[in-house]
Amino acid sequence: MLEIEYEFREEDLVHFNELRLKSDPEMQKKIRNNRLFAPGVMMAIGLFYYVYYVDMMTTAYITILALGWAFASPFIMKIDMRRQFFNKYTEAEKKAMFGIHHLTAEPEFLRETSPGGKHKTLWKDMLRVERHKDYVYIYVDFDAAIVIPRATVKKGDLKVFAKQVEGLIERAS
């Protein structure tokens, strides 16, 4: 029976949601279209002004605006997505989510003690364990996971814990 204790912070939630968005092909397509389509339309308008009115200043302004949009739009969309992540949760949910978490791998289930209370999740209800450079994710659904940041682990060995959890999930499925 292994135990681990860590702190879950706002930046960890943002990181997990951004990771999910990076792997979502539909969202990546929207970002690419926004980054290319709008500046392309602006450049066509700029070309029209240059050819039809021979107005170099307006063409230059439109071109600078189009290039600015192409470079700035991913950052603006990222900021907006972060705002949307936090708007999904009420203040009470945020209080229950952020703080010190304590996980215990027991033979039948994973026990989680967090600021939101105590939870038990059966091993058969979990999907997989993913290890990344700075995080370990224990997926309990396709779009939900227990996020364990390596930097904030206060007690326990994360490598051994993740390996044991992975084995217990495989054994239960």
N, C-alpha and C. Protein backbone atom coordinates (compact mmCIF):
# COMPACT_ATOMS: atom_id res chain seq x y z
N MET A 1 0.85 -1.17 0.00
CA MET A 1 0.00 0.00 0.00
C MET A 1 0.90 1.24 0.00
N LEU A 2 1.01 1.86 -1.16
CA LEU A 2 1.84 3.05 -1.30
C LEU A 2 1.01 4.31 -1.14
N GLU A 3 1.67 5.34 -0.65
CA GLU A 3 1.01 6.63 -0.47
C GLU A 3 1.85 7.72 -1.11
N ILE A 4 1.17 8.78 -1.50
CA ILE A 4 1.86 9.95 -2.05
C ILE A 4 1.07 11.19 -1.63
N GLU A 5 1.81 12.27 -1.40
CA GLU A 5 1.18 13.53 -1.03
C GLU A 5 1.77 14.61 -1.92
N TYR A 6 0.90 15.46 -2.46
CA TYR A 6 1.34 16.52 -3.37
C TYR A 6 0.39 17.69 -3.28
N GLU A 7 0.81 18.81 -3.87
CA GLU A 7 -0.04 20.00 -3.92
C GLU A 7 -0.49 20.21 -5.36
N PHE A 8 -1.80 20.40 -5.53
CA PHE A 8 -2.37 20.69 -6.84
C PHE A 8 -2.67 22.18 -6.91
N ARG A 9 -2.12 22.84 -7.96
CA ARG A 9 -2.23 24.29 -8.08
C ARG A 9 -3.00 24.66 -9.34
N GLU A 10 -3.31 25.95 -9.49
CA GLU A 10 -4.02 26.44 -10.67
C GLU A 10 -3.23 26.18 -11.94
N GLU A 11 -1.92 26.38 -11.88
CA GLU A 11 -1.10 26.19 -13.09
C GLU A 11 -1.10 24.73 -13.54
N ASP A 12 -1.31 23.81 -12.62
CA ASP A 12 -1.38 22.39 -12.98
C ASP A 12 -2.66 22.10 -13.75
N LEU A 13 -3.76 22.74 -13.34
CA LEU A 13 -5.02 22.59 -14.06
C LEU A 13 -4.91 23.17 -15.47
N VAL A 14 -4.28 24.34 -15.58
CA VAL A 14 -4.09 24.98 -16.89
C VAL A 14 -3.23 24.08 -17.77
N HIS A 15 -2.16 23.54 -17.22
CA HIS A 15 -1.27 22.68 -18.00
C HIS A 15 -2.02 21.46 -18.53
N PHE A 16 -2.82 20.81 -17.70
CA PHE A 16 -3.57 19.63 -18.13
C PHE A 16 -4.55 19.98 -19.25
N ASN A 17 -5.27 21.08 -19.10
CA ASN A 17 -6.24 21.46 -20.14
C ASN A 17 -5.55 21.87 -21.44
N GLU A 18 -4.41 22.53 -21.35
CA GLU A 18 -3.66 22.88 -22.56
C GLU A 18 -3.11 21.62 -23.24
N LEU A 19 -2.70 20.65 -22.46
CA LEU A 19 -2.23 19.39 -23.02
C LEU A 19 -3.36 18.70 -23.78
N ARG A 20 -4.56 18.70 -23.20
CA ARG A 20 -5.72 18.11 -23.87
C ARG A 20 -6.03 18.84 -25.18
N LEU A 21 -5.93 20.17 -25.17
CA LEU A 21 -6.21 20.94 -26.38
C LEU A 21 -5.16 20.71 -27.47
N LYS A 22 -3.90 20.52 -27.06
CA LYS A 22 -2.85 20.25 -28.05
C LYS A 22 -3.08 18.93 -28.76
N SER A 23 -3.70 17.99 -28.07
CA SER A 23 -3.93 16.68 -28.68
C SER A 23 -5.30 16.59 -29.34
N ASP A 24 -6.08 17.67 -29.34
CA ASP A 24 -7.40 17.70 -29.95
C ASP A 24 -7.26 18.22 -31.39
N PRO A 25 -7.39 17.34 -32.39
CA PRO A 25 -7.17 17.77 -33.78
C PRO A 25 -8.18 18.83 -34.24
N GLU A 26 -9.40 18.77 -33.74
CA GLU A 26 -10.41 19.75 -34.15
C GLU A 26 -10.04 21.15 -33.66
N MET A 27 -9.59 21.25 -32.42
CA MET A 27 -9.19 22.55 -31.88
C MET A 27 -7.96 23.07 -32.59
N GLN A 28 -7.00 22.21 -32.90
CA GLN A 28 -5.81 22.64 -33.62
C GLN A 28 -6.17 23.15 -35.02
N LYS A 29 -7.15 22.52 -35.64
CA LYS A 29 -7.61 22.98 -36.95
C LYS A 29 -8.23 24.37 -36.85
N LYS A 30 -9.02 24.62 -35.80
CA LYS A 30 -9.62 25.94 -35.61
C LYS A 30 -8.55 27.00 -35.40
N ILE A 31 -7.53 26.67 -34.62
CA ILE A 31 -6.45 27.63 -34.37
C ILE A 31 -5.70 27.93 -35.67
N ARG A 32 -5.41 26.89 -36.45
CA ARG A 32 -4.72 27.09 -37.73
C ARG A 32 -5.56 27.94 -38.67
N ASN A 33 -6.86 27.62 -38.75
CA ASN A 33 -7.74 28.40 -39.64
C ASN A 33 -7.80 29.85 -39.20
N ASN A 34 -7.90 30.10 -37.92
CA ASN A 34 -7.95 31.47 -37.42
C ASN A 34 -6.65 32.19 -37.71
N ARG A 35 -5.56 31.46 -37.60
CA ARG A 35 -4.25 32.07 -37.81
C ARG A 35 -3.97 32.36 -39.29
N LEU A 36 -4.56 31.58 -40.19
CA LEU A 36 -4.29 31.74 -41.61
C LEU A 36 -5.41 32.40 -42.39
N PHE A 37 -6.65 32.09 -42.07
CA PHE A 37 -7.78 32.57 -42.88
C PHE A 37 -7.97 34.09 -42.74
N ALA A 38 -8.06 34.59 -41.52
CA ALA A 38 -8.28 36.02 -41.31
C ALA A 38 -7.16 36.86 -41.92
N PRO A 39 -5.87 36.54 -41.68
CA PRO A 39 -4.82 37.32 -42.33
C PRO A 39 -4.83 37.17 -43.85
N GLY A 40 -5.23 36.00 -44.34
CA GLY A 40 -5.32 35.82 -45.79
C GLY A 40 -6.37 36.74 -46.40
N VAL A 41 -7.51 36.87 -45.75
CA VAL A 41 -8.56 37.78 -46.23
C VAL A 41 -8.07 39.22 -46.17
N MET A 42 -7.38 39.57 -45.07
CA MET A 42 -6.84 40.93 -44.95
C MET A 42 -5.81 41.22 -46.04
N MET A 43 -4.97 40.25 -46.34
CA MET A 43 -3.96 40.44 -47.40
C MET A 43 -4.64 40.60 -48.76
N ALA A 44 -5.72 39.87 -48.99
CA ALA A 44 -6.46 40.02 -50.26
C ALA A 44 -7.05 41.42 -50.36
N ILE A 45 -7.57 41.94 -49.25
CA ILE A 45 -8.11 43.30 -49.25
C ILE A 45 -6.98 44.31 -49.49
N GLY A 46 -5.85 44.08 -48.86
CA GLY A 46 -4.69 44.95 -49.07
C GLY A 46 -4.23 44.93 -50.52
N LEU A 47 -4.22 43.75 -51.12
CA LEU A 47 -3.85 43.64 -52.54
C LEU A 47 -4.85 44.38 -53.41
N PHE A 48 -6.14 44.29 -53.08
CA PHE A 48 -7.17 45.02 -53.83
C PHE A 48 -6.92 46.52 -53.75
N TYR A 49 -6.62 47.02 -52.54
CA TYR A 49 -6.35 48.45 -52.39
C TYR A 49 -5.13 48.87 -53.20
N TYR A 50 -4.13 48.03 -53.23
CA TYR A 50 -2.92 48.39 -53.96
C TYR A 50 -3.17 48.39 -55.47
N VAL A 51 -3.86 47.37 -55.97
CA VAL A 51 -4.09 47.26 -57.42
C VAL A 51 -5.14 48.26 -57.89
N TYR A 52 -6.23 48.39 -57.15
CA TYR A 52 -7.36 49.20 -57.62
C TYR A 52 -7.16 50.68 -57.32
N TYR A 53 -6.69 51.03 -56.14
CA TYR A 53 -6.56 52.43 -55.73
C TYR A 53 -5.11 52.93 -55.74
N VAL A 54 -4.15 52.03 -55.92
CA VAL A 54 -2.73 52.34 -55.86
C VAL A 54 -2.43 53.13 -54.57
N ASP A 55 -2.96 52.62 -53.48
CA ASP A 55 -2.82 53.25 -52.17
C ASP A 55 -1.84 52.41 -51.34
N MET A 56 -0.60 52.80 -51.37
CA MET A 56 0.44 52.02 -50.69
C MET A 56 0.33 52.10 -49.17
N MET A 57 -0.06 53.24 -48.61
CA MET A 57 -0.15 53.39 -47.16
C MET A 57 -1.22 52.47 -46.57
N THR A 58 -2.40 52.47 -47.18
CA THR A 58 -3.47 51.61 -46.68
C THR A 58 -3.08 50.14 -46.82
N THR A 59 -2.45 49.80 -47.93
CA THR A 59 -1.98 48.43 -48.14
C THR A 59 -0.96 48.05 -47.06
N ALA A 60 -0.06 48.95 -46.72
CA ALA A 60 0.94 48.67 -45.69
C ALA A 60 0.28 48.48 -44.32
N TYR A 61 -0.69 49.33 -43.99
CA TYR A 61 -1.40 49.19 -42.71
C TYR A 61 -2.14 47.85 -42.62
N ILE A 62 -2.81 47.51 -43.70
CA ILE A 62 -3.56 46.24 -43.72
C ILE A 62 -2.60 45.06 -43.61
N THR A 63 -1.46 45.13 -44.30
CA THR A 63 -0.48 44.05 -44.26
C THR A 63 0.11 43.91 -42.86
N ILE A 64 0.43 45.02 -42.22
CA ILE A 64 0.96 44.97 -40.85
C ILE A 64 -0.09 44.40 -39.89
N LEU A 65 -1.34 44.82 -40.06
CA LEU A 65 -2.42 44.29 -39.23
C LEU A 65 -2.59 42.78 -39.44
N ALA A 66 -2.51 42.33 -40.69
CA ALA A 66 -2.65 40.90 -41.00
C ALA A 66 -1.51 40.09 -40.38
N LEU A 67 -0.28 40.59 -40.51
CA LEU A 67 0.86 39.88 -39.93
C LEU A 67 0.78 39.89 -38.40
N GLY A 68 0.35 41.01 -37.83
CA GLY A 68 0.17 41.08 -36.38
C GLY A 68 -0.87 40.08 -35.91
N TRP A 69 -1.97 39.97 -36.65
CA TRP A 69 -3.01 38.99 -36.30
C TRP A 69 -2.46 37.56 -36.39
N ALA A 70 -1.71 37.27 -37.44
CA ALA A 70 -1.17 35.92 -37.62
C ALA A 70 -0.24 35.52 -36.47
N PHE A 71 0.54 36.47 -35.96
CA PHE A 71 1.47 36.15 -34.88
C PHE A 71 0.81 36.23 -33.50
N ALA A 72 -0.11 37.16 -33.30
CA ALA A 72 -0.69 37.38 -31.97
C ALA A 72 -1.90 36.50 -31.67
N SER A 73 -2.62 36.07 -32.68
CA SER A 73 -3.87 35.34 -32.43
C SER A 73 -3.69 34.06 -31.61
N PRO A 74 -2.63 33.25 -31.79
CA PRO A 74 -2.50 32.07 -30.93
C PRO A 74 -2.36 32.44 -29.45
N PHE A 75 -1.64 33.51 -29.17
CA PHE A 75 -1.46 33.93 -27.78
C PHE A 75 -2.76 34.47 -27.19
N ILE A 76 -3.49 35.23 -27.98
CA ILE A 76 -4.78 35.76 -27.54
C ILE A 76 -5.76 34.62 -27.30
N MET A 77 -5.77 33.64 -28.20
CA MET A 77 -6.66 32.49 -28.03
C MET A 77 -6.27 31.68 -26.79
N LYS A 78 -4.98 31.57 -26.52
CA LYS A 78 -4.52 30.83 -25.34
C LYS A 78 -4.98 31.52 -24.06
N ILE A 79 -4.87 32.83 -24.01
CA ILE A 79 -5.33 33.59 -22.85
C ILE A 79 -6.83 33.42 -22.68
N ASP A 80 -7.57 33.48 -23.78
CA ASP A 80 -9.02 33.32 -23.71
C ASP A 80 -9.40 31.91 -23.26
N MET A 81 -8.69 30.91 -23.74
CA MET A 81 -8.96 29.53 -23.32
C MET A 81 -8.69 29.34 -21.83
N ARG A 82 -7.62 29.94 -21.32
CA ARG A 82 -7.33 29.86 -19.89
C ARG A 82 -8.46 30.49 -19.08
N ARG A 83 -8.97 31.61 -19.55
CA ARG A 83 -10.09 32.26 -18.87
C ARG A 83 -11.30 31.34 -18.87
N GLN A 84 -11.54 30.68 -19.99
CA GLN A 84 -12.67 29.76 -20.09
C GLN A 84 -12.49 28.55 -19.17
N PHE A 85 -11.25 28.05 -19.01
CA PHE A 85 -11.00 26.94 -18.09
C PHE A 85 -11.48 27.29 -16.69
N PHE A 86 -11.10 28.48 -16.24
CA PHE A 86 -11.43 28.87 -14.88
C PHE A 86 -12.89 29.26 -14.72
N ASN A 87 -13.52 29.72 -15.79
CA ASN A 87 -14.95 30.06 -15.71
C ASN A 87 -15.83 28.82 -15.60
N LYS A 88 -15.30 27.65 -15.96
CA LYS A 88 -16.07 26.40 -15.85
C LYS A 88 -16.30 26.00 -14.40
N TYR A 89 -15.47 26.49 -13.49
CA TYR A 89 -15.53 26.07 -12.10
C TYR A 89 -16.02 27.21 -11.21
N THR A 90 -16.84 26.86 -10.23
CA THR A 90 -17.28 27.83 -9.24
C THR A 90 -16.16 28.01 -8.21
N GLU A 91 -16.29 29.03 -7.39
CA GLU A 91 -15.29 29.28 -6.35
C GLU A 91 -15.21 28.10 -5.37
N ALA A 92 -16.36 27.51 -5.06
CA ALA A 92 -16.38 26.36 -4.14
C ALA A 92 -15.65 25.17 -4.76
N GLU A 93 -15.84 24.95 -6.06
CA GLU A 93 -15.15 23.85 -6.75
C GLU A 93 -13.64 24.10 -6.78
N LYS A 94 -13.25 25.35 -6.99
CA LYS A 94 -11.82 25.67 -7.00
C LYS A 94 -11.20 25.43 -5.63
N LYS A 95 -11.91 25.82 -4.56
CA LYS A 95 -11.40 25.59 -3.21
C LYS A 95 -11.24 24.10 -2.95
N ALA A 96 -12.20 23.31 -3.44
CA ALA A 96 -12.16 21.87 -3.23
C ALA A 96 -11.08 21.19 -4.08
N MET A 97 -10.68 21.83 -5.16
CA MET A 97 -9.75 21.23 -6.10
C MET A 97 -8.29 21.53 -5.77
N PHE A 98 -8.00 22.78 -5.41
CA PHE A 98 -6.62 23.20 -5.21
C PHE A 98 -6.20 23.00 -3.76
N GLY A 99 -4.97 22.55 -3.58
CA GLY A 99 -4.43 22.35 -2.25
C GLY A 99 -3.70 21.02 -2.15
N ILE A 100 -3.53 20.56 -0.93
CA ILE A 100 -2.79 19.32 -0.66
C ILE A 100 -3.69 18.11 -0.92
N HIS A 101 -3.19 17.18 -1.72
CA HIS A 101 -3.89 15.93 -2.03
C HIS A 101 -3.06 14.77 -1.49
N HIS A 102 -3.74 13.76 -1.02
CA HIS A 102 -3.10 12.57 -0.48
C HIS A 102 -3.72 11.36 -1.18
N LEU A 103 -2.91 10.60 -1.92
CA LEU A 103 -3.38 9.40 -2.63
C LEU A 103 -2.81 8.16 -1.96
N THR A 104 -3.68 7.16 -1.82
CA THR A 104 -3.26 5.88 -1.26
C THR A 104 -3.71 4.78 -2.21
N ALA A 105 -2.78 3.98 -2.68
CA ALA A 105 -3.09 2.85 -3.56
C ALA A 105 -3.40 1.64 -2.69
N GLU A 106 -4.67 1.28 -2.61
CA GLU A 106 -5.10 0.12 -1.84
C GLU A 106 -5.45 -1.01 -2.81
N PRO A 107 -5.57 -2.24 -2.35
CA PRO A 107 -5.79 -3.37 -3.26
C PRO A 107 -7.06 -3.25 -4.13
N GLU A 108 -8.11 -2.65 -3.62
CA GLU A 108 -9.39 -2.58 -4.35
C GLU A 108 -9.63 -1.25 -5.04
N PHE A 109 -9.02 -0.18 -4.54
CA PHE A 109 -9.33 1.15 -5.06
C PHE A 109 -8.21 2.14 -4.75
N LEU A 110 -8.33 3.32 -5.35
CA LEU A 110 -7.43 4.43 -5.07
C LEU A 110 -8.17 5.39 -4.16
N ARG A 111 -7.61 5.64 -3.00
CA ARG A 111 -8.23 6.56 -2.04
C ARG A 111 -7.56 7.93 -2.21
N GLU A 112 -8.41 8.95 -2.38
CA GLU A 112 -7.91 10.31 -2.53
C GLU A 112 -8.50 11.18 -1.43
N THR A 113 -7.61 11.83 -0.70
CA THR A 113 -8.04 12.80 0.30
C THR A 113 -7.56 14.16 -0.17
N SER A 114 -8.52 15.08 -0.36
CA SER A 114 -8.21 16.39 -0.90
C SER A 114 -9.00 17.44 -0.13
N PRO A 115 -8.79 18.72 -0.42
CA PRO A 115 -9.59 19.74 0.25
C PRO A 115 -11.09 19.56 0.00
N GLY A 116 -11.45 18.85 -1.07
CA GLY A 116 -12.86 18.61 -1.40
C GLY A 116 -13.46 17.42 -0.68
N GLY A 117 -12.66 16.67 0.06
CA GLY A 117 -13.17 15.52 0.78
C GLY A 117 -12.42 14.25 0.42
N LYS A 118 -13.03 13.12 0.79
CA LYS A 118 -12.42 11.82 0.52
C LYS A 118 -13.17 11.14 -0.60
N HIS A 119 -12.40 10.52 -1.51
CA HIS A 119 -12.99 9.82 -2.65
C HIS A 119 -12.30 8.47 -2.82
N LYS A 120 -13.08 7.49 -3.26
CA LYS A 120 -12.53 6.18 -3.59
C LYS A 120 -12.87 5.90 -5.04
N THR A 121 -11.87 5.51 -5.82
CA THR A 121 -12.08 5.17 -7.22
C THR A 121 -11.59 3.74 -7.43
N LEU A 122 -12.47 2.89 -7.91
CA LEU A 122 -12.11 1.51 -8.17
C LEU A 122 -11.11 1.44 -9.31
N TRP A 123 -10.23 0.46 -9.25
CA TRP A 123 -9.20 0.32 -10.29
C TRP A 123 -9.82 0.03 -11.65
N LYS A 124 -10.93 -0.71 -11.67
CA LYS A 124 -11.56 -1.04 -12.95
C LYS A 124 -12.16 0.19 -13.62
N ASP A 125 -12.41 1.27 -12.86
CA ASP A 125 -12.98 2.49 -13.42
C ASP A 125 -11.92 3.43 -13.98
N MET A 126 -10.66 3.11 -13.79
CA MET A 126 -9.57 3.94 -14.29
C MET A 126 -9.10 3.43 -15.64
N LEU A 127 -8.58 4.34 -16.46
CA LEU A 127 -8.19 3.98 -17.82
C LEU A 127 -6.70 3.69 -17.97
N ARG A 128 -5.85 4.65 -17.54
CA ARG A 128 -4.41 4.48 -17.77
C ARG A 128 -3.62 5.48 -16.94
N VAL A 129 -2.32 5.28 -16.97
CA VAL A 129 -1.38 6.21 -16.34
C VAL A 129 -0.47 6.73 -17.44
N GLU A 130 -0.32 8.05 -17.49
CA GLU A 130 0.60 8.67 -18.45
C GLU A 130 1.67 9.41 -17.68
N ARG A 131 2.91 9.20 -18.08
CA ARG A 131 4.03 9.90 -17.45
C ARG A 131 4.58 10.93 -18.43
N HIS A 132 4.73 12.14 -17.96
CA HIS A 132 5.34 13.21 -18.74
C HIS A 132 6.51 13.76 -17.94
N LYS A 133 7.21 14.70 -18.53
CA LYS A 133 8.41 15.25 -17.90
C LYS A 133 8.11 15.82 -16.52
N ASP A 134 7.07 16.64 -16.41
CA ASP A 134 6.78 17.33 -15.16
C ASP A 134 5.54 16.82 -14.44
N TYR A 135 4.80 15.91 -15.06
CA TYR A 135 3.53 15.47 -14.50
C TYR A 135 3.31 13.97 -14.69
N VAL A 136 2.47 13.42 -13.83
CA VAL A 136 1.95 12.07 -14.00
C VAL A 136 0.43 12.22 -13.99
N TYR A 137 -0.23 11.60 -14.97
CA TYR A 137 -1.68 11.68 -15.08
C TYR A 137 -2.27 10.29 -14.89
N ILE A 138 -3.24 10.20 -13.99
CA ILE A 138 -3.99 8.95 -13.81
C ILE A 138 -5.38 9.23 -14.37
N TYR A 139 -5.65 8.71 -15.56
CA TYR A 139 -6.92 9.00 -16.24
C TYR A 139 -8.05 8.18 -15.64
N VAL A 140 -9.09 8.90 -15.22
CA VAL A 140 -10.29 8.25 -14.70
C VAL A 140 -11.43 8.34 -15.71
N ASP A 141 -11.23 9.11 -16.78
CA ASP A 141 -12.17 9.24 -17.88
C ASP A 141 -11.35 9.72 -19.08
N PHE A 142 -11.98 9.81 -20.25
CA PHE A 142 -11.23 10.22 -21.42
C PHE A 142 -10.72 11.65 -21.33
N ASP A 143 -11.46 12.49 -20.64
CA ASP A 143 -11.05 13.89 -20.52
C ASP A 143 -10.87 14.35 -19.08
N ALA A 144 -10.73 13.41 -18.16
CA ALA A 144 -10.53 13.74 -16.75
C ALA A 144 -9.42 12.87 -16.17
N ALA A 145 -8.58 13.49 -15.37
CA ALA A 145 -7.46 12.75 -14.80
C ALA A 145 -7.09 13.33 -13.44
N ILE A 146 -6.44 12.50 -12.67
CA ILE A 146 -5.80 12.96 -11.45
C ILE A 146 -4.41 13.44 -11.87
N VAL A 147 -4.16 14.72 -11.70
CA VAL A 147 -2.92 15.34 -12.15
C VAL A 147 -1.97 15.42 -10.96
N ILE A 148 -0.80 14.82 -11.11
CA ILE A 148 0.21 14.83 -10.04
C ILE A 148 1.44 15.56 -10.57
N PRO A 149 1.67 16.80 -10.12
CA PRO A 149 2.88 17.52 -10.54
C PRO A 149 4.10 17.01 -9.79
N ARG A 150 5.14 16.67 -10.52
CA ARG A 150 6.36 16.14 -9.90
C ARG A 150 6.99 17.16 -8.94
N ALA A 151 6.89 18.44 -9.27
CA ALA A 151 7.56 19.48 -8.48
C ALA A 151 6.97 19.66 -7.09
N THR A 152 5.71 19.28 -6.92
CA THR A 152 5.06 19.55 -5.63
C THR A 152 4.85 18.30 -4.78
N VAL A 153 5.46 17.18 -5.18
CA VAL A 153 5.34 15.96 -4.38
C VAL A 153 6.06 16.18 -3.05
N LYS A 154 5.32 16.03 -1.97
CA LYS A 154 5.86 16.29 -0.64
C LYS A 154 6.24 15.01 0.10
N LYS A 155 5.54 13.92 -0.19
CA LYS A 155 5.80 12.67 0.51
C LYS A 155 5.56 11.51 -0.45
N GLY A 156 6.47 10.55 -0.46
CA GLY A 156 6.32 9.37 -1.30
C GLY A 156 7.20 9.43 -2.53
N ASP A 157 7.33 8.28 -3.19
CA ASP A 157 8.12 8.15 -4.40
C ASP A 157 7.17 8.06 -5.58
N LEU A 158 7.15 9.10 -6.41
CA LEU A 158 6.19 9.18 -7.51
C LEU A 158 6.40 8.08 -8.55
N LYS A 159 7.65 7.75 -8.87
CA LYS A 159 7.93 6.71 -9.86
C LYS A 159 7.36 5.37 -9.42
N VAL A 160 7.64 4.99 -8.20
CA VAL A 160 7.16 3.71 -7.68
C VAL A 160 5.64 3.71 -7.58
N PHE A 161 5.08 4.83 -7.14
CA PHE A 161 3.62 4.94 -7.01
C PHE A 161 2.95 4.80 -8.37
N ALA A 162 3.46 5.50 -9.39
CA ALA A 162 2.87 5.44 -10.73
C ALA A 162 2.96 4.03 -11.30
N LYS A 163 4.09 3.37 -11.07
CA LYS A 163 4.26 2.00 -11.56
C LYS A 163 3.27 1.05 -10.89
N GLN A 164 3.09 1.21 -9.58
CA GLN A 164 2.14 0.35 -8.87
C GLN A 164 0.70 0.61 -9.34
N VAL A 165 0.34 1.88 -9.49
CA VAL A 165 -1.01 2.22 -9.95
C VAL A 165 -1.24 1.64 -11.35
N GLU A 166 -0.27 1.76 -12.21
CA GLU A 166 -0.39 1.21 -13.57
C GLU A 166 -0.61 -0.29 -13.51
N GLY A 167 0.13 -0.98 -12.67
CA GLY A 167 -0.04 -2.43 -12.53
C GLY A 167 -1.43 -2.78 -11.98
N LEU A 168 -1.92 -2.04 -11.02
CA LEU A 168 -3.23 -2.30 -10.45
C LEU A 168 -4.36 -2.04 -11.46
N ILE A 169 -4.19 -1.02 -12.28
CA ILE A 169 -5.18 -0.72 -13.33
C ILE A 169 -5.20 -1.84 -14.36
N GLU A 170 -4.02 -2.28 -14.79
CA GLU A 170 -3.94 -3.37 -15.78
C GLU A 170 -4.53 -4.66 -15.21
N ARG A 171 -4.27 -4.94 -13.97
CA ARG A 171 -4.78 -6.16 -13.35
C ARG A 171 -6.31 -6.12 -13.24
N ALA A 172 -6.89 -4.95 -12.98
CA ALA A 172 -8.34 -4.84 -12.79
C ALA A 172 -9.10 -4.83 -14.11
N SER A 173 -8.43 -4.49 -15.21
CA SER A 173 -9.18 -4.42 -16.47
C SER A 173 -9.17 -5.69 -17.25
